[in-house]
N, C-alpha and C. Protein backbone atom coordinates (compact mmCIF):
# COMPACT_ATOMS: atom_id res chain seq x y z
N MET A 1 2.36 13.41 -21.31
CA MET A 1 1.38 13.40 -20.14
C MET A 1 1.44 14.04 -18.72
N VAL A 2 0.85 15.12 -18.34
CA VAL A 2 0.29 16.22 -16.88
C VAL A 2 -0.54 15.41 -16.75
N ALA A 3 -0.82 14.63 -15.63
CA ALA A 3 -2.10 14.63 -14.44
C ALA A 3 -2.12 15.41 -13.51
N TRP A 4 -3.29 16.14 -13.07
CA TRP A 4 -3.54 16.98 -12.13
C TRP A 4 -4.52 15.84 -11.13
N LYS A 5 -4.15 16.44 -9.88
CA LYS A 5 -5.01 15.87 -9.19
C LYS A 5 -5.71 17.41 -7.63
N HIS A 6 -6.62 17.57 -7.77
CA HIS A 6 -7.12 18.54 -6.83
C HIS A 6 -7.94 18.08 -5.53
N ALA A 7 -7.29 18.77 -4.19
CA ALA A 7 -7.52 17.89 -2.95
C ALA A 7 -7.76 19.39 -2.15
N ASP A 8 -8.55 19.24 -1.25
CA ASP A 8 -8.93 20.62 -0.28
C ASP A 8 -7.48 22.00 -0.26
N ALA A 9 -6.76 20.42 0.64
CA ALA A 9 -5.54 21.40 0.71
C ALA A 9 -4.43 21.09 -0.07
N ARG A 10 -4.30 20.67 -1.10
CA ARG A 10 -3.74 19.92 -1.95
C ARG A 10 -4.03 20.10 -3.24
N SER A 11 -2.98 19.79 -4.19
CA SER A 11 -2.74 20.35 -5.13
C SER A 11 -1.17 19.31 -5.33
N ASP A 12 -1.58 18.52 -6.90
CA ASP A 12 -0.67 17.26 -7.43
C ASP A 12 -0.38 17.89 -8.84
N ARG A 13 0.84 17.73 -9.23
CA ARG A 13 1.14 17.63 -10.34
C ARG A 13 2.15 16.89 -10.75
N ARG A 14 1.82 15.56 -12.21
CA ARG A 14 2.59 14.29 -12.18
C ARG A 14 2.89 14.80 -13.70
N SER A 15 4.32 14.81 -14.21
CA SER A 15 4.20 14.58 -15.62
C SER A 15 4.94 13.14 -15.99
N TYR A 16 5.26 12.68 -17.06
CA TYR A 16 5.15 11.56 -17.53
C TYR A 16 5.80 11.41 -18.75
N VAL A 17 7.36 11.04 -18.30
CA VAL A 17 8.22 10.97 -19.83
C VAL A 17 8.90 9.72 -20.12
N LEU A 18 8.39 9.06 -21.26
CA LEU A 18 9.06 7.24 -21.47
C LEU A 18 9.97 7.51 -22.28
N SER A 19 10.32 6.56 -22.69
CA SER A 19 11.78 6.45 -23.08
C SER A 19 11.26 4.75 -23.72
N ASP A 20 11.98 4.49 -25.30
CA ASP A 20 12.58 3.20 -25.71
C ASP A 20 12.99 2.66 -25.35
N ALA A 21 12.98 1.54 -24.01
CA ALA A 21 14.04 0.35 -24.13
C ALA A 21 14.71 -0.50 -24.75
N ALA A 22 15.01 -0.31 -25.86
CA ALA A 22 14.47 -1.57 -26.76
C ALA A 22 15.83 -2.49 -26.64
N HIS A 23 16.50 -1.82 -26.24
CA HIS A 23 17.92 -1.95 -26.15
C HIS A 23 18.59 -2.74 -25.15
N TRP A 24 17.97 -2.80 -23.84
CA TRP A 24 18.21 -4.17 -22.53
C TRP A 24 16.67 -5.16 -23.47
N THR A 25 17.33 -6.35 -23.12
CA THR A 25 16.65 -7.11 -23.39
C THR A 25 15.38 -7.30 -22.01
N GLY A 26 14.30 -7.89 -23.18
CA GLY A 26 13.01 -7.47 -21.93
C GLY A 26 12.45 -6.58 -21.56
N LEU A 27 13.10 -5.60 -21.39
CA LEU A 27 12.48 -4.32 -21.29
C LEU A 27 11.74 -2.93 -22.04
N ARG A 28 11.03 -2.81 -22.50
CA ARG A 28 10.53 -2.19 -23.36
C ARG A 28 9.81 -0.55 -23.11
N SER A 29 9.82 -0.27 -21.99
CA SER A 29 9.51 0.98 -21.18
C SER A 29 10.41 1.68 -19.92
N LEU A 30 10.76 2.46 -20.19
CA LEU A 30 11.19 3.27 -19.38
C LEU A 30 11.31 4.49 -18.82
N VAL A 31 10.65 4.55 -17.62
CA VAL A 31 9.03 5.73 -17.28
C VAL A 31 9.71 6.74 -16.22
N ARG A 32 10.26 7.89 -16.55
CA ARG A 32 10.85 8.82 -15.64
C ARG A 32 9.16 10.02 -15.09
N VAL A 33 8.81 9.90 -14.01
CA VAL A 33 7.83 10.49 -12.86
C VAL A 33 8.11 11.58 -12.67
N GLN A 34 7.69 13.00 -12.77
CA GLN A 34 8.12 14.01 -12.13
C GLN A 34 6.58 14.13 -11.75
N ALA A 35 6.96 14.88 -9.52
CA ALA A 35 5.80 14.58 -8.92
C ALA A 35 6.01 16.14 -8.59
N ILE A 36 4.65 16.94 -8.44
CA ILE A 36 5.48 18.38 -7.58
C ILE A 36 4.14 18.27 -6.91
N THR A 37 4.28 18.50 -6.03
CA THR A 37 3.00 18.83 -4.99
C THR A 37 3.07 20.14 -4.45
N HIS A 38 1.73 20.65 -4.39
CA HIS A 38 1.85 21.84 -3.02
C HIS A 38 0.96 21.80 -2.24
N ARG A 39 1.13 22.24 -1.26
CA ARG A 39 -0.20 22.16 -0.02
C ARG A 39 -0.26 23.61 0.32
N VAL A 40 -1.70 23.73 0.19
CA VAL A 40 -2.49 24.81 0.73
C VAL A 40 -1.84 25.88 1.96
N ILE A 41 -2.07 24.47 2.77
CA ILE A 41 -1.95 24.68 4.49
C ILE A 41 -0.21 25.33 4.29
N GLU A 42 0.46 24.27 4.67
CA GLU A 42 1.75 24.89 5.00
C GLU A 42 2.72 25.67 3.84
N SER A 43 1.90 26.68 2.44
CA SER A 43 2.70 27.07 1.64
C SER A 43 3.70 26.22 1.09
N LYS A 44 3.34 24.71 1.32
CA LYS A 44 5.31 24.07 1.07
C LYS A 44 5.35 23.66 -0.67
N THR A 45 5.39 23.54 -1.55
CA THR A 45 6.12 22.90 -2.69
C THR A 45 7.14 21.52 -2.58
N THR A 46 7.09 20.90 -3.05
CA THR A 46 7.78 19.54 -3.25
C THR A 46 8.20 19.27 -4.33
N SER A 47 9.13 18.95 -4.82
CA SER A 47 8.90 18.02 -6.01
C SER A 47 10.08 16.67 -6.39
N GLN A 48 9.45 15.46 -6.15
CA GLN A 48 9.92 13.83 -6.58
C GLN A 48 10.16 13.69 -7.86
N THR A 49 11.39 13.21 -8.35
CA THR A 49 11.45 11.95 -9.81
C THR A 49 11.38 10.78 -9.38
N ARG A 50 11.30 9.91 -9.62
CA ARG A 50 11.03 8.81 -9.98
C ARG A 50 11.12 8.23 -10.86
N TYR A 51 11.72 6.65 -11.26
CA TYR A 51 11.84 6.17 -12.68
C TYR A 51 11.64 4.21 -12.19
N TYR A 52 10.59 3.98 -13.53
CA TYR A 52 9.59 2.71 -13.52
C TYR A 52 10.54 2.22 -14.66
N LEU A 53 11.19 0.48 -14.44
CA LEU A 53 11.57 -0.19 -15.33
C LEU A 53 10.50 -1.15 -16.36
N SER A 54 9.91 -1.64 -17.35
CA SER A 54 7.85 -2.14 -17.34
C SER A 54 8.75 -2.45 -18.45
N SER A 55 8.19 -3.86 -18.45
CA SER A 55 8.28 -4.95 -20.08
C SER A 55 7.20 -4.61 -20.59
N LEU A 56 5.90 -3.37 -20.25
CA LEU A 56 4.77 -3.05 -21.33
C LEU A 56 5.92 -2.10 -21.89
N LYS A 57 4.73 -2.33 -23.37
CA LYS A 57 4.87 -1.26 -24.42
C LYS A 57 3.45 -0.36 -24.15
N THR A 58 3.24 1.30 -23.58
CA THR A 58 1.97 1.97 -24.05
C THR A 58 2.58 3.02 -23.16
N ASP A 59 0.84 3.46 -23.22
CA ASP A 59 1.59 4.96 -23.05
C ASP A 59 1.30 5.02 -21.55
N ALA A 60 1.52 6.74 -21.68
CA ALA A 60 1.48 7.70 -20.05
C ALA A 60 0.30 7.34 -19.68
N ARG A 61 -0.62 7.56 -19.55
CA ARG A 61 -2.14 7.53 -19.38
C ARG A 61 -1.96 5.65 -18.66
N ARG A 62 -1.64 5.00 -19.44
CA ARG A 62 -1.87 3.76 -19.11
C ARG A 62 -1.28 3.47 -17.78
N PHE A 63 0.20 3.75 -17.75
CA PHE A 63 1.62 4.37 -16.71
C PHE A 63 0.97 4.90 -15.56
N ASN A 64 0.19 5.79 -15.85
CA ASN A 64 -0.42 6.88 -14.54
C ASN A 64 -1.39 5.96 -13.82
N ALA A 65 -1.93 4.84 -14.79
CA ALA A 65 -3.13 4.32 -14.13
C ALA A 65 -2.26 3.06 -13.00
N LEU A 66 -1.46 2.51 -13.89
CA LEU A 66 -1.04 1.53 -13.28
C LEU A 66 0.10 2.22 -11.99
N ILE A 67 0.91 2.96 -12.02
CA ILE A 67 1.56 3.54 -10.79
C ILE A 67 0.29 4.32 -10.21
N ARG A 68 -0.26 4.83 -9.90
CA ARG A 68 -1.19 5.00 -8.94
C ARG A 68 -2.21 3.97 -8.11
N ALA A 69 -2.05 3.14 -9.34
CA ALA A 69 -2.92 1.68 -7.98
C ALA A 69 -2.56 0.49 -7.36
N HIS A 70 -1.13 0.99 -7.89
CA HIS A 70 0.27 0.52 -6.91
C HIS A 70 -0.10 0.82 -5.56
N TRP A 71 0.57 2.06 -6.01
CA TRP A 71 0.36 2.60 -4.40
C TRP A 71 -0.67 2.92 -3.58
N GLY A 72 -1.82 2.84 -4.21
CA GLY A 72 -2.90 3.14 -3.37
C GLY A 72 -3.15 1.12 -3.06
N ILE A 73 -3.12 0.06 -3.13
CA ILE A 73 -2.88 -0.35 -2.95
C ILE A 73 -1.71 -0.94 -1.51
N GLU A 74 -0.93 -0.14 -1.58
CA GLU A 74 0.56 -0.12 -0.86
C GLU A 74 0.59 0.50 -0.10
N ASN A 75 -0.19 1.71 -0.30
CA ASN A 75 -0.61 2.67 1.09
C ASN A 75 -1.42 2.33 2.31
N SER A 76 -2.67 1.80 1.60
CA SER A 76 -4.28 1.10 2.41
C SER A 76 -3.53 0.12 2.87
N LEU A 77 -2.54 -0.80 2.29
CA LEU A 77 -2.41 -2.38 3.44
C LEU A 77 -1.42 -0.96 5.06
N HIS A 78 -0.13 -0.51 4.40
CA HIS A 78 0.44 -0.39 5.17
C HIS A 78 -0.33 0.42 6.41
N TRP A 79 -1.23 1.36 5.17
CA TRP A 79 -2.68 2.36 6.48
C TRP A 79 -3.35 1.13 7.90
N VAL A 80 -3.66 0.43 6.99
CA VAL A 80 -4.34 -0.48 7.95
C VAL A 80 -3.52 -1.70 8.70
N LEU A 81 -2.42 -1.47 8.86
CA LEU A 81 -1.19 -2.87 9.81
C LEU A 81 -1.08 -1.76 10.65
N ASP A 82 -0.45 -0.37 10.76
CA ASP A 82 -0.81 0.61 11.76
C ASP A 82 -1.47 0.60 12.00
N VAL A 83 -2.82 1.28 11.31
CA VAL A 83 -4.12 1.63 12.60
C VAL A 83 -4.60 0.19 13.37
N THR A 84 -4.42 -0.58 12.90
CA THR A 84 -4.59 -1.89 13.87
C THR A 84 -3.92 -2.71 14.30
N PHE A 85 -2.72 -2.74 14.05
CA PHE A 85 -2.05 -3.71 14.72
C PHE A 85 -1.28 -2.53 15.69
N GLN A 86 -1.04 -1.58 14.94
CA GLN A 86 0.34 -0.73 15.73
C GLN A 86 1.64 -0.94 15.48
N GLU A 87 1.89 -0.80 13.92
CA GLU A 87 2.96 -1.65 13.19
C GLU A 87 4.51 -0.54 13.28
N ASP A 88 3.93 0.85 12.91
CA ASP A 88 4.90 1.87 13.03
C ASP A 88 5.55 2.20 14.78
N ALA A 89 4.80 1.60 15.37
CA ALA A 89 4.92 1.63 16.86
C ALA A 89 6.36 1.11 17.56
N SER A 90 5.87 -0.80 16.70
CA SER A 90 6.81 -1.33 17.01
C SER A 90 8.68 -1.43 16.94
N ARG A 91 9.03 -1.49 18.01
CA ARG A 91 10.46 -1.16 18.24
C ARG A 91 11.70 -3.01 18.34
N VAL A 92 10.56 -3.95 17.95
CA VAL A 92 11.80 -4.86 17.77
C VAL A 92 12.69 -4.71 16.37
N ARG A 93 13.37 -5.22 16.55
CA ARG A 93 14.85 -4.55 15.94
C ARG A 93 15.61 -6.29 15.51
N LYS A 94 15.66 -6.95 16.76
CA LYS A 94 16.58 -7.89 16.80
C LYS A 94 16.35 -9.22 15.67
N ASP A 95 17.55 -9.47 15.55
CA ASP A 95 18.03 -10.21 14.14
C ASP A 95 16.27 -10.26 13.66
N HIS A 96 15.81 -11.40 12.96
CA HIS A 96 14.78 -11.32 12.48
C HIS A 96 13.32 -11.07 12.47
N ALA A 97 13.19 -10.78 13.92
CA ALA A 97 11.58 -10.90 14.66
C ALA A 97 10.97 -9.86 14.40
N ASP A 98 11.55 -9.35 13.53
CA ASP A 98 11.12 -7.46 13.11
C ASP A 98 9.87 -8.15 11.72
N ARG A 99 11.13 -8.91 11.03
CA ARG A 99 10.35 -9.20 9.59
C ARG A 99 9.29 -10.37 10.20
N ASN A 100 8.92 -11.53 10.82
CA ASN A 100 8.87 -12.59 11.79
C ASN A 100 7.29 -11.74 12.31
N LEU A 101 7.15 -10.69 12.69
CA LEU A 101 6.26 -9.98 13.48
C LEU A 101 5.13 -9.42 12.19
N ALA A 102 6.79 -8.85 11.33
CA ALA A 102 5.30 -8.75 10.09
C ALA A 102 4.69 -9.54 9.50
N THR A 103 5.70 -11.20 9.30
CA THR A 103 4.28 -11.63 8.40
C THR A 103 2.97 -12.28 9.73
N ILE A 104 3.19 -12.11 10.29
CA ILE A 104 2.21 -12.82 11.32
C ILE A 104 1.56 -11.96 11.41
N ARG A 105 1.58 -10.21 11.37
CA ARG A 105 0.88 -9.65 11.11
C ARG A 105 -0.19 -9.53 10.15
N ARG A 106 0.48 -9.74 8.47
CA ARG A 106 -0.27 -10.31 7.88
C ARG A 106 -1.20 -11.01 7.36
N TRP A 107 -0.46 -12.13 7.93
CA TRP A 107 -1.28 -12.98 8.23
C TRP A 107 -2.71 -12.89 8.81
N ALA A 108 -2.42 -12.44 10.37
CA ALA A 108 -3.77 -12.61 11.10
C ALA A 108 -4.61 -11.23 10.62
N LEU A 109 -3.96 -10.00 9.62
CA LEU A 109 -5.00 -9.36 8.87
C LEU A 109 -5.25 -10.37 7.68
N ASN A 110 -5.49 -10.78 6.73
CA ASN A 110 -5.76 -11.57 5.61
C ASN A 110 -6.87 -12.67 6.71
N LEU A 111 -7.08 -13.44 7.76
CA LEU A 111 -7.68 -14.37 8.34
C LEU A 111 -8.84 -13.18 8.42
N CYS A 112 -8.79 -12.11 9.11
CA CYS A 112 -9.93 -10.80 9.47
C CYS A 112 -10.55 -10.80 8.45
N LYS A 113 -9.55 -10.33 7.31
CA LYS A 113 -10.12 -10.10 5.52
C LYS A 113 -12.07 -11.15 5.10
N LEU A 114 -11.17 -11.88 5.32
CA LEU A 114 -11.87 -13.56 5.06
C LEU A 114 -12.06 -12.96 5.81
N ASP A 115 -13.18 -13.53 6.69
CA ASP A 115 -13.98 -13.06 7.90
C ASP A 115 -15.19 -12.05 7.94
N ARG A 116 -16.31 -12.48 7.36
CA ARG A 116 -17.68 -11.75 7.11
C ARG A 116 -18.25 -11.67 8.72
N THR A 117 -17.98 -11.72 9.58
CA THR A 117 -19.02 -11.20 10.64
C THR A 117 -19.32 -9.91 10.23
N PRO A 118 -20.59 -9.22 10.19
CA PRO A 118 -21.02 -8.02 10.17
C PRO A 118 -21.30 -7.31 11.42
N LYS A 119 -20.90 -5.72 11.14
CA LYS A 119 -20.24 -4.74 12.31
C LYS A 119 -18.92 -4.91 13.45
N LEU A 120 -17.95 -5.85 12.42
CA LEU A 120 -16.99 -5.59 13.28
C LEU A 120 -15.94 -5.41 12.43
N THR A 121 -15.52 -4.11 12.97
CA THR A 121 -14.16 -3.59 12.47
C THR A 121 -12.73 -5.04 12.40
N MET A 122 -11.71 -3.92 11.83
CA MET A 122 -10.44 -4.96 11.76
C MET A 122 -10.15 -4.96 13.22
N ASN A 123 -10.07 -4.18 13.67
CA ASN A 123 -9.53 -3.87 15.66
C ASN A 123 -10.69 -4.21 16.01
N LEU A 124 -11.66 -4.71 16.03
CA LEU A 124 -12.53 -6.19 16.78
C LEU A 124 -12.22 -7.10 16.62
N LYS A 125 -12.24 -6.94 15.40
CA LYS A 125 -11.84 -9.12 14.98
C LYS A 125 -10.97 -8.99 15.81
N ARG A 126 -9.79 -7.90 16.02
CA ARG A 126 -8.19 -8.41 15.83
C ARG A 126 -8.23 -8.75 17.82
N LYS A 127 -9.25 -7.64 18.49
CA LYS A 127 -9.79 -7.49 20.10
C LYS A 127 -10.27 -9.09 20.42
N GLN A 128 -11.51 -9.22 19.25
CA GLN A 128 -12.88 -10.51 19.68
C GLN A 128 -11.73 -12.00 19.27
N ALA A 129 -10.86 -12.13 18.98
CA ALA A 129 -10.03 -13.38 18.74
C ALA A 129 -9.40 -13.39 19.96
N SER A 130 -8.32 -12.46 20.04
CA SER A 130 -7.72 -12.31 21.72
C SER A 130 -8.12 -12.48 22.76
N TYR A 131 -9.42 -12.32 22.67
CA TYR A 131 -10.49 -12.88 23.96
C TYR A 131 -10.94 -13.89 24.01
N SER A 132 -11.95 -14.26 22.52
CA SER A 132 -12.58 -15.10 22.19
C SER A 132 -11.77 -16.70 21.89
N ASP A 133 -11.93 -17.84 22.73
CA ASP A 133 -11.12 -18.68 22.02
C ASP A 133 -12.21 -19.58 20.67
N ALA A 134 -13.40 -19.68 20.99
CA ALA A 134 -14.32 -19.48 19.96
C ALA A 134 -14.47 -19.02 18.44
N PHE A 135 -13.99 -16.90 18.41
CA PHE A 135 -13.87 -16.58 17.48
C PHE A 135 -12.47 -16.81 16.92
N ARG A 136 -11.43 -16.90 17.77
CA ARG A 136 -10.24 -17.49 17.11
C ARG A 136 -10.01 -18.72 16.40
N GLU A 137 -11.30 -19.61 16.85
CA GLU A 137 -11.25 -21.07 15.92
C GLU A 137 -11.87 -20.64 14.38
N GLN A 138 -12.83 -20.16 14.45
CA GLN A 138 -13.77 -19.79 13.35
C GLN A 138 -12.78 -19.14 12.70
N LEU A 139 -12.06 -17.63 13.21
CA LEU A 139 -11.16 -16.48 12.49
C LEU A 139 -9.80 -18.17 11.73
N LEU A 140 -9.40 -19.29 12.07
CA LEU A 140 -8.30 -20.00 12.01
C LEU A 140 -9.38 -20.88 11.10
N ARG A 141 -10.51 -21.12 11.25
CA ARG A 141 -11.06 -22.10 10.48
C ARG A 141 -10.98 -23.83 10.93
N ILE A 142 -10.79 -23.84 12.71
CA ILE A 142 -10.03 -24.83 13.24
C ILE A 142 -11.45 -25.23 14.00
N LYS A 143 -11.87 -26.88 13.62
CA LYS A 143 -12.76 -26.90 14.46
C LYS A 143 -11.99 -28.03 15.39
N THR A 144 -13.24 -27.51 16.97
CA THR A 144 -12.49 -28.48 18.40
C THR A 144 -13.12 -29.44 18.60
N ARG A 145 -14.70 -29.50 18.59
CA ARG A 145 -14.94 -30.30 19.16
C ARG A 145 -15.81 -31.73 17.91
């Protein structure tokens, strides 16, 4: 199967090759994805080959949907963490501090997502929580009074 996606300055072409992997216990499919991207602005073409192992036995269209959905979630999470918490700018590397801070950022992001305060972006919720004990308690669902 070949899937095309067109954007203003970029076109993507992905071809999927599925192989039966029944000779490995629990493995049903081996998927090879060849992705070719052409960027009009830079007149640059890149190619990537990725491999996936799966316990699913399905067709190329379904694998395309599953793979794209996974990366959509993954990319949106990292984008929000970088924009809201400037995670990419962090230079913390000592011992386990980087992983500990990443866990705290994800926890804080999830608390902000659960809050339904209208007209507050993730960034404003984060800032409001740093300024206001009442709002921080609301996010943490703590009753101190």
